All heavy atoms as atom14 arrays in JSON, in Angstrom:
{
  "sequence": "EQLKPNTPMNNGICKLSFDFPIISNGGNDIWICQNKTEG",
  "atom14_mask": [
    [1, 1, 1, 1, 1, 1, 1, 1, 1, 0, 0, 0, 0, 0],
    [1, 1, 1, 1, 1, 1, 1, 1, 1, 0, 0, 0, 0, 0],
    [1, 1, 1, 1, 1, 1, 1, 1, 0, 0, 0, 0, 0, 0],
    [1, 1, 1, 1, 1, 1, 1, 1, 1, 0, 0, 0, 0, 0],
    [1, 1, 1, 1, 1, 1, 1, 0, 0, 0, 0, 0, 0, 0],
    [1, 1, 1, 1, 1, 1, 1, 1, 0, 0, 0, 0, 0, 0],
    [1, 1, 1, 1, 1, 1, 1, 0, 0, 0, 0, 0, 0, 0],
    [1, 1, 1, 1, 1, 1, 1, 0, 0, 0, 0, 0, 0, 0],
    [1, 1, 1, 1, 1, 1, 1, 1, 0, 0, 0, 0, 0, 0],
    [1, 1, 1, 1, 1, 1, 1, 1, 0, 0, 0, 0, 0, 0],
    [1, 1, 1, 1, 1, 1, 1, 1, 0, 0, 0, 0, 0, 0],
    [1, 1, 1, 1, 0, 0, 0, 0, 0, 0, 0, 0, 0, 0],
    [1, 1, 1, 1, 1, 1, 1, 1, 0, 0, 0, 0, 0, 0],
    [1, 1, 1, 1, 1, 1, 0, 0, 0, 0, 0, 0, 0, 0],
    [1, 1, 1, 1, 1, 1, 1, 1, 1, 0, 0, 0, 0, 0],
    [1, 1, 1, 1, 1, 1, 1, 1, 0, 0, 0, 0, 0, 0],
    [1, 1, 1, 1, 1, 1, 0, 0, 0, 0, 0, 0, 0, 0],
    [1, 1, 1, 1, 1, 1, 1, 1, 1, 1, 1, 0, 0, 0],
    [1, 1, 1, 1, 1, 1, 1, 1, 0, 0, 0, 0, 0, 0],
    [1, 1, 1, 1, 1, 1, 1, 1, 1, 1, 1, 0, 0, 0],
    [1, 1, 1, 1, 1, 1, 1, 0, 0, 0, 0, 0, 0, 0],
    [1, 1, 1, 1, 1, 1, 1, 1, 0, 0, 0, 0, 0, 0],
    [1, 1, 1, 1, 1, 1, 1, 1, 0, 0, 0, 0, 0, 0],
    [1, 1, 1, 1, 1, 1, 0, 0, 0, 0, 0, 0, 0, 0],
    [1, 1, 1, 1, 1, 1, 1, 1, 0, 0, 0, 0, 0, 0],
    [1, 1, 1, 1, 0, 0, 0, 0, 0, 0, 0, 0, 0, 0],
    [1, 1, 1, 1, 0, 0, 0, 0, 0, 0, 0, 0, 0, 0],
    [1, 1, 1, 1, 1, 1, 1, 1, 0, 0, 0, 0, 0, 0],
    [1, 1, 1, 1, 1, 1, 1, 1, 0, 0, 0, 0, 0, 0],
    [1, 1, 1, 1, 1, 1, 1, 1, 0, 0, 0, 0, 0, 0],
    [1, 1, 1, 1, 1, 1, 1, 1, 1, 1, 1, 1, 1, 1],
    [1, 1, 1, 1, 1, 1, 1, 1, 0, 0, 0, 0, 0, 0],
    [1, 1, 1, 1, 1, 1, 0, 0, 0, 0, 0, 0, 0, 0],
    [1, 1, 1, 1, 1, 1, 1, 1, 1, 0, 0, 0, 0, 0],
    [1, 1, 1, 1, 1, 1, 1, 1, 0, 0, 0, 0, 0, 0],
    [1, 1, 1, 1, 1, 1, 1, 1, 1, 0, 0, 0, 0, 0],
    [1, 1, 1, 1, 1, 1, 1, 0, 0, 0, 0, 0, 0, 0],
    [1, 1, 1, 1, 1, 1, 1, 1, 1, 0, 0, 0, 0, 0],
    [1, 1, 1, 1, 0, 0, 0, 0, 0, 0, 0, 0, 0, 0]
  ],
  "atom14_positions": [
    [[0.83, -1.2, 0.0], [0.0, 0.0, 0.0], [0.86, 1.25, 0.0], [1.94, 1.28, 0.58], [-0.89, 0.02, 1.24], [-1.9, -1.09, 1.25], [-2.78, -1.01, 2.49], [-3.13, 0.11, 2.9], [-3.08, -2.07, 3.03], [0.0, 0.0, 0.0], [0.0, 0.0, 0.0], [0.0, 0.0, 0.0], [0.0, 0.0, 0.0], [0.0, 0.0, 0.0]],
    [[0.36, 2.3, -0.65], [1.05, 3.58, -0.63], [0.6, 4.36, 0.59], [-0.5, 4.16, 1.12], [0.72, 4.37, -1.89], [1.29, 3.77, -3.14], [1.0, 4.67, -4.33], [0.22, 5.61, -4.27], [1.64, 4.37, -5.43], [0.0, 0.0, 0.0], [0.0, 0.0, 0.0], [0.0, 0.0, 0.0], [0.0, 0.0, 0.0], [0.0, 0.0, 0.0]],
    [[1.46, 5.27, 1.04], [1.08, 6.15, 2.14], [0.03, 7.12, 1.65], [0.1, 7.64, 0.54], [2.29, 6.93, 2.64], [3.39, 6.1, 3.27], [4.57, 6.99, 3.61], [2.88, 5.4, 4.51], [0.0, 0.0, 0.0], [0.0, 0.0, 0.0], [0.0, 0.0, 0.0], [0.0, 0.0, 0.0], [0.0, 0.0, 0.0], [0.0, 0.0, 0.0]],
    [[-0.96, 7.38, 2.49], [-2.03, 8.29, 2.13], [-2.21, 9.3, 3.25], [-2.08, 8.95, 4.42], [-3.33, 7.52, 1.92], [-3.24, 6.55, 0.76], [-4.5, 5.74, 0.61], [-4.31, 4.75, -0.53], [-5.2, 3.65, -0.49], [0.0, 0.0, 0.0], [0.0, 0.0, 0.0], [0.0, 0.0, 0.0], [0.0, 0.0, 0.0], [0.0, 0.0, 0.0]],
    [[-2.54, 10.56, 2.91], [-2.81, 11.54, 3.95], [-3.93, 11.06, 4.86], [-4.84, 10.36, 4.43], [-3.21, 12.79, 3.18], [-2.67, 12.59, 1.81], [-2.67, 11.11, 1.58], [0.0, 0.0, 0.0], [0.0, 0.0, 0.0], [0.0, 0.0, 0.0], [0.0, 0.0, 0.0], [0.0, 0.0, 0.0], [0.0, 0.0, 0.0], [0.0, 0.0, 0.0]],
    [[-3.89, 11.49, 6.13], [-4.94, 11.13, 7.08], [-6.3, 11.64, 6.63], [-7.3, 10.96, 6.75], [-4.63, 11.7, 8.46], [-3.38, 11.11, 9.05], [-2.86, 10.13, 8.55], [-2.9, 11.7, 10.12], [0.0, 0.0, 0.0], [0.0, 0.0, 0.0], [0.0, 0.0, 0.0], [0.0, 0.0, 0.0], [0.0, 0.0, 0.0], [0.0, 0.0, 0.0]],
    [[-6.33, 12.88, 6.15], [-7.55, 13.49, 5.63], [-7.12, 14.37, 4.46], [-5.95, 14.72, 4.34], [-8.26, 14.37, 6.67], [-7.48, 15.52, 6.91], [-8.54, 13.61, 7.96], [0.0, 0.0, 0.0], [0.0, 0.0, 0.0], [0.0, 0.0, 0.0], [0.0, 0.0, 0.0], [0.0, 0.0, 0.0], [0.0, 0.0, 0.0], [0.0, 0.0, 0.0]],
    [[-8.04, 14.77, 3.59], [-7.67, 15.64, 2.47], [-7.06, 16.97, 2.91], [-6.34, 17.6, 2.16], [-8.99, 15.87, 1.74], [-9.87, 14.75, 2.14], [-9.44, 14.35, 3.53], [0.0, 0.0, 0.0], [0.0, 0.0, 0.0], [0.0, 0.0, 0.0], [0.0, 0.0, 0.0], [0.0, 0.0, 0.0], [0.0, 0.0, 0.0], [0.0, 0.0, 0.0]],
    [[-7.32, 17.42, 4.12], [-6.84, 18.72, 4.58], [-5.44, 18.66, 5.2], [-4.91, 19.68, 5.59], [-7.81, 19.3, 5.61], [-9.21, 19.52, 5.06], [-9.26, 20.67, 3.69], [-8.86, 22.18, 4.54], [0.0, 0.0, 0.0], [0.0, 0.0, 0.0], [0.0, 0.0, 0.0], [0.0, 0.0, 0.0], [0.0, 0.0, 0.0], [0.0, 0.0, 0.0]],
    [[-4.82, 17.51, 5.34], [-3.58, 17.4, 6.1], [-2.31, 17.72, 5.34], [-1.24, 17.68, 5.91], [-3.47, 16.03, 6.76], [-4.21, 15.97, 8.07], [-4.67, 16.98, 8.58], [-4.31, 14.8, 8.64], [0.0, 0.0, 0.0], [0.0, 0.0, 0.0], [0.0, 0.0, 0.0], [0.0, 0.0, 0.0], [0.0, 0.0, 0.0], [0.0, 0.0, 0.0]],
    [[-2.37, 18.02, 4.06], [-1.21, 18.51, 3.31], [0.07, 17.75, 3.59], [1.06, 18.32, 4.03], [-1.0, 20.0, 3.57], [-2.15, 20.83, 3.09], [-2.78, 20.51, 2.09], [-2.47, 21.89, 3.8], [0.0, 0.0, 0.0], [0.0, 0.0, 0.0], [0.0, 0.0, 0.0], [0.0, 0.0, 0.0], [0.0, 0.0, 0.0], [0.0, 0.0, 0.0]],
    [[0.09, 16.48, 3.35], [1.33, 15.71, 3.46], [1.53, 14.98, 4.76], [2.49, 14.24, 4.91], [0.0, 0.0, 0.0], [0.0, 0.0, 0.0], [0.0, 0.0, 0.0], [0.0, 0.0, 0.0], [0.0, 0.0, 0.0], [0.0, 0.0, 0.0], [0.0, 0.0, 0.0], [0.0, 0.0, 0.0], [0.0, 0.0, 0.0], [0.0, 0.0, 0.0]],
    [[0.64, 15.16, 5.74], [0.77, 14.41, 6.99], [0.14, 13.05, 6.78], [-1.01, 12.94, 6.37], [0.12, 15.14, 8.18], [0.82, 16.47, 8.42], [0.16, 14.26, 9.42], [0.2, 17.3, 9.51], [0.0, 0.0, 0.0], [0.0, 0.0, 0.0], [0.0, 0.0, 0.0], [0.0, 0.0, 0.0], [0.0, 0.0, 0.0], [0.0, 0.0, 0.0]],
    [[0.94, 12.02, 7.03], [0.47, 10.65, 6.84], [0.64, 9.87, 8.13], [1.59, 10.09, 8.87], [1.29, 9.95, 5.76], [1.14, 10.71, 4.15], [0.0, 0.0, 0.0], [0.0, 0.0, 0.0], [0.0, 0.0, 0.0], [0.0, 0.0, 0.0], [0.0, 0.0, 0.0], [0.0, 0.0, 0.0], [0.0, 0.0, 0.0], [0.0, 0.0, 0.0]],
    [[-0.27, 8.97, 8.36], [-0.16, 8.09, 9.51], [0.39, 6.76, 9.02], [-0.17, 6.14, 8.12], [-1.52, 7.88, 10.17], [-1.47, 6.98, 11.4], [-2.82, 6.85, 12.06], [-3.27, 8.09, 12.74], [-2.5, 8.5, 13.9], [0.0, 0.0, 0.0], [0.0, 0.0, 0.0], [0.0, 0.0, 0.0], [0.0, 0.0, 0.0], [0.0, 0.0, 0.0]],
    [[1.53, 6.37, 9.59], [2.07, 5.06, 9.27], [1.27, 4.02, 10.01], [0.9, 4.2, 11.17], [3.54, 4.98, 9.69], [4.5, 5.91, 8.96], [5.9, 5.79, 9.55], [4.52, 5.63, 7.48], [0.0, 0.0, 0.0], [0.0, 0.0, 0.0], [0.0, 0.0, 0.0], [0.0, 0.0, 0.0], [0.0, 0.0, 0.0], [0.0, 0.0, 0.0]],
    [[1.02, 2.92, 9.36], [0.3, 1.86, 10.05], [1.2, 1.3, 11.14], [2.42, 1.43, 11.09], [-0.1, 0.77, 9.05], [0.88, -0.2, 8.95], [0.0, 0.0, 0.0], [0.0, 0.0, 0.0], [0.0, 0.0, 0.0], [0.0, 0.0, 0.0], [0.0, 0.0, 0.0], [0.0, 0.0, 0.0], [0.0, 0.0, 0.0], [0.0, 0.0, 0.0]],
    [[0.6, 0.69, 12.12], [1.4, 0.14, 13.2], [2.03, -1.18, 12.82], [2.65, -1.85, 13.64], [0.58, 0.08, 14.49], [0.37, 1.45, 15.07], [-0.86, 2.08, 14.97], [1.41, 2.12, 15.68], [-1.04, 3.36, 15.48], [1.25, 3.4, 16.19], [0.01, 4.02, 16.09], [0.0, 0.0, 0.0], [0.0, 0.0, 0.0], [0.0, 0.0, 0.0]],
    [[1.93, -1.57, 11.51], [2.75, -2.66, 10.98], [4.21, -2.21, 10.95], [5.11, -3.03, 10.99], [2.32, -3.05, 9.56], [0.92, -3.64, 9.53], [0.45, -4.13, 10.58], [0.29, -3.6, 8.46], [0.0, 0.0, 0.0], [0.0, 0.0, 0.0], [0.0, 0.0, 0.0], [0.0, 0.0, 0.0], [0.0, 0.0, 0.0], [0.0, 0.0, 0.0]],
    [[4.42, -0.88, 10.85], [5.75, -0.3, 10.93], [6.11, -0.15, 12.4], [5.23, 0.04, 13.23], [5.79, 1.1, 10.29], [5.69, 1.11, 8.8], [4.47, 1.33, 8.18], [6.81, 0.91, 8.01], [4.37, 1.36, 6.81], [6.72, 0.94, 6.63], [5.5, 1.16, 6.03], [0.0, 0.0, 0.0], [0.0, 0.0, 0.0], [0.0, 0.0, 0.0]],
    [[7.39, -0.14, 12.72], [7.77, 0.2, 14.1], [7.34, 1.63, 14.4], [7.23, 2.46, 13.5], [9.3, 0.1, 14.09], [9.67, -0.59, 12.84], [8.54, -0.43, 11.88], [0.0, 0.0, 0.0], [0.0, 0.0, 0.0], [0.0, 0.0, 0.0], [0.0, 0.0, 0.0], [0.0, 0.0, 0.0], [0.0, 0.0, 0.0], [0.0, 0.0, 0.0]],
    [[7.09, 1.93, 15.65], [6.72, 3.3, 16.03], [7.97, 4.16, 15.89], [8.94, 3.98, 16.61], [6.16, 3.34, 17.45], [4.86, 2.54, 17.49], [5.92, 4.78, 17.89], [4.27, 2.38, 18.86], [0.0, 0.0, 0.0], [0.0, 0.0, 0.0], [0.0, 0.0, 0.0], [0.0, 0.0, 0.0], [0.0, 0.0, 0.0], [0.0, 0.0, 0.0]],
    [[7.93, 5.05, 14.9], [9.11, 5.86, 14.61], [8.85, 7.34, 14.82], [9.75, 8.14, 14.71], [9.62, 5.63, 13.18], [8.52, 5.9, 12.17], [10.17, 4.22, 13.03], [8.98, 5.87, 10.75], [0.0, 0.0, 0.0], [0.0, 0.0, 0.0], [0.0, 0.0, 0.0], [0.0, 0.0, 0.0], [0.0, 0.0, 0.0], [0.0, 0.0, 0.0]],
    [[7.61, 7.71, 15.11], [7.29, 9.12, 15.25], [6.27, 9.27, 16.37], [5.23, 8.61, 16.35], [6.73, 9.65, 13.93], [6.58, 11.04, 13.96], [0.0, 0.0, 0.0], [0.0, 0.0, 0.0], [0.0, 0.0, 0.0], [0.0, 0.0, 0.0], [0.0, 0.0, 0.0], [0.0, 0.0, 0.0], [0.0, 0.0, 0.0], [0.0, 0.0, 0.0]],
    [[6.59, 10.11, 17.37], [5.66, 10.35, 18.47], [4.38, 10.99, 17.95], [4.39, 11.66, 16.93], [6.28, 11.26, 19.52], [7.37, 10.57, 20.3], [7.46, 9.35, 20.32], [8.2, 11.34, 20.96], [0.0, 0.0, 0.0], [0.0, 0.0, 0.0], [0.0, 0.0, 0.0], [0.0, 0.0, 0.0], [0.0, 0.0, 0.0], [0.0, 0.0, 0.0]],
    [[3.32, 10.8, 18.66], [2.05, 11.45, 18.28], [1.27, 10.62, 17.3], [0.72, 11.15, 16.34], [0.0, 0.0, 0.0], [0.0, 0.0, 0.0], [0.0, 0.0, 0.0], [0.0, 0.0, 0.0], [0.0, 0.0, 0.0], [0.0, 0.0, 0.0], [0.0, 0.0, 0.0], [0.0, 0.0, 0.0], [0.0, 0.0, 0.0], [0.0, 0.0, 0.0]],
    [[1.23, 9.31, 17.48], [0.39, 8.48, 16.63], [1.07, 7.94, 15.39], [0.41, 7.49, 14.47], [0.0, 0.0, 0.0], [0.0, 0.0, 0.0], [0.0, 0.0, 0.0], [0.0, 0.0, 0.0], [0.0, 0.0, 0.0], [0.0, 0.0, 0.0], [0.0, 0.0, 0.0], [0.0, 0.0, 0.0], [0.0, 0.0, 0.0], [0.0, 0.0, 0.0]],
    [[2.39, 7.98, 15.35], [3.16, 7.46, 14.22], [2.88, 8.24, 12.93], [2.93, 7.69, 11.84], [2.94, 5.97, 14.02], [4.23, 5.23, 13.73], [5.32, 5.73, 14.0], [4.13, 4.04, 13.18], [0.0, 0.0, 0.0], [0.0, 0.0, 0.0], [0.0, 0.0, 0.0], [0.0, 0.0, 0.0], [0.0, 0.0, 0.0], [0.0, 0.0, 0.0]],
    [[2.58, 9.55, 13.08], [2.4, 10.41, 11.91], [3.75, 10.89, 11.41], [4.67, 11.11, 12.21], [1.58, 11.65, 12.27], [0.13, 11.35, 12.58], [-0.33, 10.26, 12.22], [-0.53, 12.22, 13.17], [0.0, 0.0, 0.0], [0.0, 0.0, 0.0], [0.0, 0.0, 0.0], [0.0, 0.0, 0.0], [0.0, 0.0, 0.0], [0.0, 0.0, 0.0]],
    [[3.86, 11.06, 10.12], [5.02, 11.7, 9.5], [4.51, 12.79, 8.58], [3.35, 12.8, 8.19], [5.9, 10.69, 8.73], [5.12, 10.02, 7.6], [6.5, 9.66, 9.67], [5.96, 9.17, 6.67], [0.0, 0.0, 0.0], [0.0, 0.0, 0.0], [0.0, 0.0, 0.0], [0.0, 0.0, 0.0], [0.0, 0.0, 0.0], [0.0, 0.0, 0.0]],
    [[5.39, 13.71, 8.22], [5.03, 14.82, 7.34], [5.94, 14.74, 6.12], [7.16, 14.81, 6.26], [5.21, 16.11, 8.07], [4.69, 17.34, 7.39], [4.23, 17.47, 6.12], [4.6, 18.63, 7.99], [3.85, 18.74, 5.89], [4.07, 19.49, 7.01], [4.92, 19.14, 9.23], [3.85, 20.83, 7.25], [4.7, 20.49, 9.46], [4.16, 21.32, 8.48]],
    [[5.36, 14.6, 4.94], [6.13, 14.48, 3.71], [5.94, 15.75, 2.88], [4.81, 16.1, 2.54], [5.69, 13.25, 2.89], [5.85, 11.98, 3.72], [6.49, 13.17, 1.58], [5.26, 10.75, 3.09], [0.0, 0.0, 0.0], [0.0, 0.0, 0.0], [0.0, 0.0, 0.0], [0.0, 0.0, 0.0], [0.0, 0.0, 0.0], [0.0, 0.0, 0.0]],
    [[7.03, 16.43, 2.58], [7.01, 17.62, 1.72], [7.77, 17.26, 0.45], [8.9, 16.77, 0.53], [7.71, 18.79, 2.4], [7.13, 19.15, 4.04], [0.0, 0.0, 0.0], [0.0, 0.0, 0.0], [0.0, 0.0, 0.0], [0.0, 0.0, 0.0], [0.0, 0.0, 0.0], [0.0, 0.0, 0.0], [0.0, 0.0, 0.0], [0.0, 0.0, 0.0]],
    [[7.17, 17.48, -0.7], [7.82, 17.11, -1.95], [8.01, 18.34, -2.83], [7.1, 19.15, -2.98], [6.99, 16.08, -2.7], [7.65, 15.61, -3.97], [6.94, 14.43, -4.6], [5.94, 13.95, -4.09], [7.45, 13.96, -5.7], [0.0, 0.0, 0.0], [0.0, 0.0, 0.0], [0.0, 0.0, 0.0], [0.0, 0.0, 0.0], [0.0, 0.0, 0.0]],
    [[9.21, 18.47, -3.38], [9.5, 19.49, -4.38], [9.19, 18.85, -5.73], [9.96, 18.05, -6.24], [10.97, 19.91, -4.29], [11.33, 20.97, -5.29], [10.79, 21.01, -6.4], [12.28, 21.81, -4.93], [0.0, 0.0, 0.0], [0.0, 0.0, 0.0], [0.0, 0.0, 0.0], [0.0, 0.0, 0.0], [0.0, 0.0, 0.0], [0.0, 0.0, 0.0]],
    [[8.04, 19.19, -6.28], [7.59, 18.54, -7.52], [8.49, 18.84, -8.71], [8.63, 18.04, -9.6], [6.14, 18.92, -7.8], [5.2, 18.39, -6.73], [3.76, 18.65, -7.09], [2.82, 18.36, -5.96], [2.7, 17.04, -5.51], [0.0, 0.0, 0.0], [0.0, 0.0, 0.0], [0.0, 0.0, 0.0], [0.0, 0.0, 0.0], [0.0, 0.0, 0.0]],
    [[9.13, 20.01, -8.72], [10.01, 20.36, -9.83], [11.28, 19.53, -9.82], [11.72, 19.04, -10.85], [10.42, 21.85, -9.76], [9.37, 22.62, -9.22], [10.73, 22.39, -11.12], [0.0, 0.0, 0.0], [0.0, 0.0, 0.0], [0.0, 0.0, 0.0], [0.0, 0.0, 0.0], [0.0, 0.0, 0.0], [0.0, 0.0, 0.0], [0.0, 0.0, 0.0]],
    [[11.86, 19.38, -8.63], [13.14, 18.67, -8.51], [12.96, 17.18, -8.24], [13.9, 16.41, -8.38], [13.96, 19.28, -7.36], [14.26, 20.75, -7.52], [15.21, 21.04, -8.66], [16.12, 20.23, -8.9], [15.04, 22.08, -9.32], [0.0, 0.0, 0.0], [0.0, 0.0, 0.0], [0.0, 0.0, 0.0], [0.0, 0.0, 0.0], [0.0, 0.0, 0.0]],
    [[11.78, 16.78, -7.77], [11.55, 15.38, -7.43], [12.2, 14.99, -6.1], [12.42, 13.81, -5.83], [0.0, 0.0, 0.0], [0.0, 0.0, 0.0], [0.0, 0.0, 0.0], [0.0, 0.0, 0.0], [0.0, 0.0, 0.0], [0.0, 0.0, 0.0], [0.0, 0.0, 0.0], [0.0, 0.0, 0.0], [0.0, 0.0, 0.0], [0.0, 0.0, 0.0]]
  ]
}
């Protein structure tokens, strides 16, 4: 599965499933920012 935002309004904040080790405090959320021009 691909990572998906928690809600449409979260602008890159994704919740990792707990199949992953807990790597981020606050519910295993991460924030992904992408530079679309540079990739």
